[in-house]
Amino acid sequence: MTIQTYTHKRGATLSLAGAVTLPAGVWGATSQVKQDVAGALVLVEVLAVTLAPIAVPDPGGPTHTILLESSSAAAADWPLGRLQCDVRFQDASVPPVVLPTETFDIKVVREVTGVPA
């Protein structure tokens, strides 16, 4: 998953798909969208995450597919401007192995079509 800044229209369905490489094991993932408010990260939304192993991955290639989603109704409440997001992968071992992605920005912009005048 390689994203630096993703531009998203407020009120549109968010659906970001990709592929990731994880070590052997049983993995899960979580993802949150947050806004920086005076230096404090405030939760905007917990995204729905679908992480699925690739049945027969290519050697050295991605091992899992990933999908991050938010409904249009939930994204309608997102503030305009820059939000931050990352994904936290965690395996089933005790203690768990935790692998966070780099943080990426979501630039939320206003929708033009469909907005009442």
Protein backbone atom coordinates (compact mmCIF):
# COMPACT_ATOMS: atom_id res chain seq x y z
CA MET A 1 0.00 0.00 0.00
CA THR A 2 1.70 3.20 -1.14
CA ILE A 3 -0.19 6.45 -0.69
CA GLN A 4 1.20 9.83 0.32
CA THR A 5 -1.81 12.11 -0.11
CA TYR A 6 -5.24 10.99 -1.23
CA THR A 7 -7.80 13.62 -2.24
CA HIS A 8 -11.34 12.69 -1.21
CA LYS A 9 -14.64 14.50 -1.79
CA ARG A 10 -16.62 14.91 1.42
CA GLY A 11 -19.74 12.73 1.34
CA ALA A 12 -18.35 10.27 -1.21
CA THR A 13 -17.83 6.60 -0.41
CA LEU A 14 -14.21 5.90 0.51
CA SER A 15 -12.82 2.69 -0.96
CA LEU A 16 -9.04 2.28 -1.05
CA ALA A 17 -7.76 -1.08 -2.27
CA GLY A 18 -4.22 -2.37 -2.33
CA ALA A 19 -1.86 -5.23 -1.63
CA VAL A 20 0.64 -5.63 1.21
CA THR A 21 3.45 -7.96 2.14
CA LEU A 22 3.31 -9.39 5.65
CA PRO A 23 5.37 -12.10 7.37
CA ALA A 24 3.92 -15.60 7.77
CA GLY A 25 1.13 -15.78 10.34
CA VAL A 26 -2.51 -14.94 10.92
CA TRP A 27 -2.97 -11.19 10.51
CA GLY A 28 -5.64 -8.62 11.20
CA ALA A 29 -5.71 -4.88 10.54
CA THR A 30 -7.32 -1.71 11.88
CA SER A 31 -7.33 1.82 10.50
CA GLN A 32 -8.42 5.20 11.81
CA VAL A 33 -8.83 8.65 10.29
CA LYS A 34 -7.84 11.50 12.61
CA GLN A 35 -7.64 15.28 12.49
CA ASP A 36 -4.86 17.31 14.06
CA VAL A 37 -6.56 19.89 16.29
CA ALA A 38 -4.01 22.15 17.99
CA GLY A 39 -1.49 19.31 18.17
CA ALA A 40 -3.92 16.66 19.42
CA LEU A 41 -5.10 13.89 17.10
CA VAL A 42 -8.91 13.70 17.26
CA LEU A 43 -10.71 10.62 15.95
CA VAL A 44 -12.83 11.29 12.85
CA GLU A 45 -13.70 7.69 11.95
CA VAL A 46 -12.67 4.08 12.41
CA LEU A 47 -12.51 2.65 8.90
CA ALA A 48 -13.81 -0.77 7.90
CA VAL A 49 -10.80 -2.92 6.96
CA THR A 50 -10.87 -6.12 4.92
CA LEU A 51 -7.56 -8.00 4.92
CA ALA A 52 -7.40 -11.26 2.97
CA PRO A 53 -4.45 -13.58 2.31
CA ILE A 54 -3.57 -14.16 -1.34
CA ALA A 55 -4.08 -17.89 -1.96
CA VAL A 56 -0.85 -18.39 -3.90
CA PRO A 57 1.33 -15.29 -3.60
CA ASP A 58 4.18 -14.74 -6.05
CA PRO A 59 7.61 -15.23 -4.46
CA GLY A 60 8.65 -11.90 -2.96
CA GLY A 61 5.31 -10.34 -3.88
CA PRO A 62 2.35 -9.17 -1.82
CA THR A 63 0.84 -11.70 0.59
CA HIS A 64 -2.50 -10.01 1.32
CA THR A 65 -5.08 -7.76 -0.29
CA ILE A 66 -6.46 -4.89 1.75
CA LEU A 67 -9.54 -2.68 1.44
CA LEU A 68 -10.20 0.44 3.55
CA GLU A 69 -13.79 1.69 3.47
CA SER A 70 -16.08 4.42 4.76
CA SER A 71 -19.72 4.89 3.80
CA SER A 72 -20.86 8.05 2.06
CA ALA A 73 -23.04 8.86 5.09
CA ALA A 74 -20.05 8.67 7.45
CA ALA A 75 -17.76 10.62 5.10
CA ALA A 76 -20.40 13.38 4.81
CA ASP A 77 -19.42 14.44 8.33
CA TRP A 78 -15.68 14.60 7.65
CA PRO A 79 -14.19 18.08 8.10
CA LEU A 80 -12.70 19.80 5.08
CA GLY A 81 -8.93 19.94 4.97
CA ARG A 82 -6.11 17.59 5.90
CA LEU A 83 -6.78 14.40 7.84
CA GLN A 84 -4.31 11.66 8.74
CA CYS A 85 -4.62 7.90 8.42
CA ASP A 86 -2.55 4.77 8.80
CA VAL A 87 -3.07 1.02 9.08
CA ARG A 88 -2.03 -1.12 12.05
CA PHE A 89 -1.36 -4.77 11.26
CA GLN A 90 -1.31 -7.21 14.18
CA ASP A 91 -0.72 -10.95 14.15
CA ALA A 92 -2.34 -13.55 16.41
CA SER A 93 0.79 -14.38 18.43
CA VAL A 94 1.15 -13.61 22.14
CA PRO A 95 2.53 -11.02 22.52
CA PRO A 96 1.44 -9.86 19.08
CA VAL A 97 3.72 -8.59 16.35
CA VAL A 98 2.50 -5.08 15.44
CA LEU A 99 3.42 -3.44 12.13
CA PRO A 100 2.07 0.08 11.45
CA THR A 101 2.20 1.64 8.00
CA GLU A 102 3.49 5.10 7.31
CA THR A 103 0.91 7.78 8.00
CA PHE A 104 -0.71 9.23 4.89
CA ASP A 105 -2.83 12.32 4.39
CA ILE A 106 -6.42 12.46 3.22
CA LYS A 107 -7.21 15.86 1.75
CA VAL A 108 -10.98 16.31 2.10
CA VAL A 109 -12.47 18.70 -0.45
CA ARG A 110 -15.97 20.00 -1.04
CA GLU A 111 -18.27 18.27 -3.51
CA VAL A 112 -19.56 20.58 -6.24
CA THR A 113 -22.24 18.51 -8.02
CA GLY A 114 -25.18 17.54 -5.84
CA VAL A 115 -24.68 20.28 -3.27
CA PRO A 116 -27.72 22.58 -2.93
CA ALA A 117 -27.10 26.14 -4.11
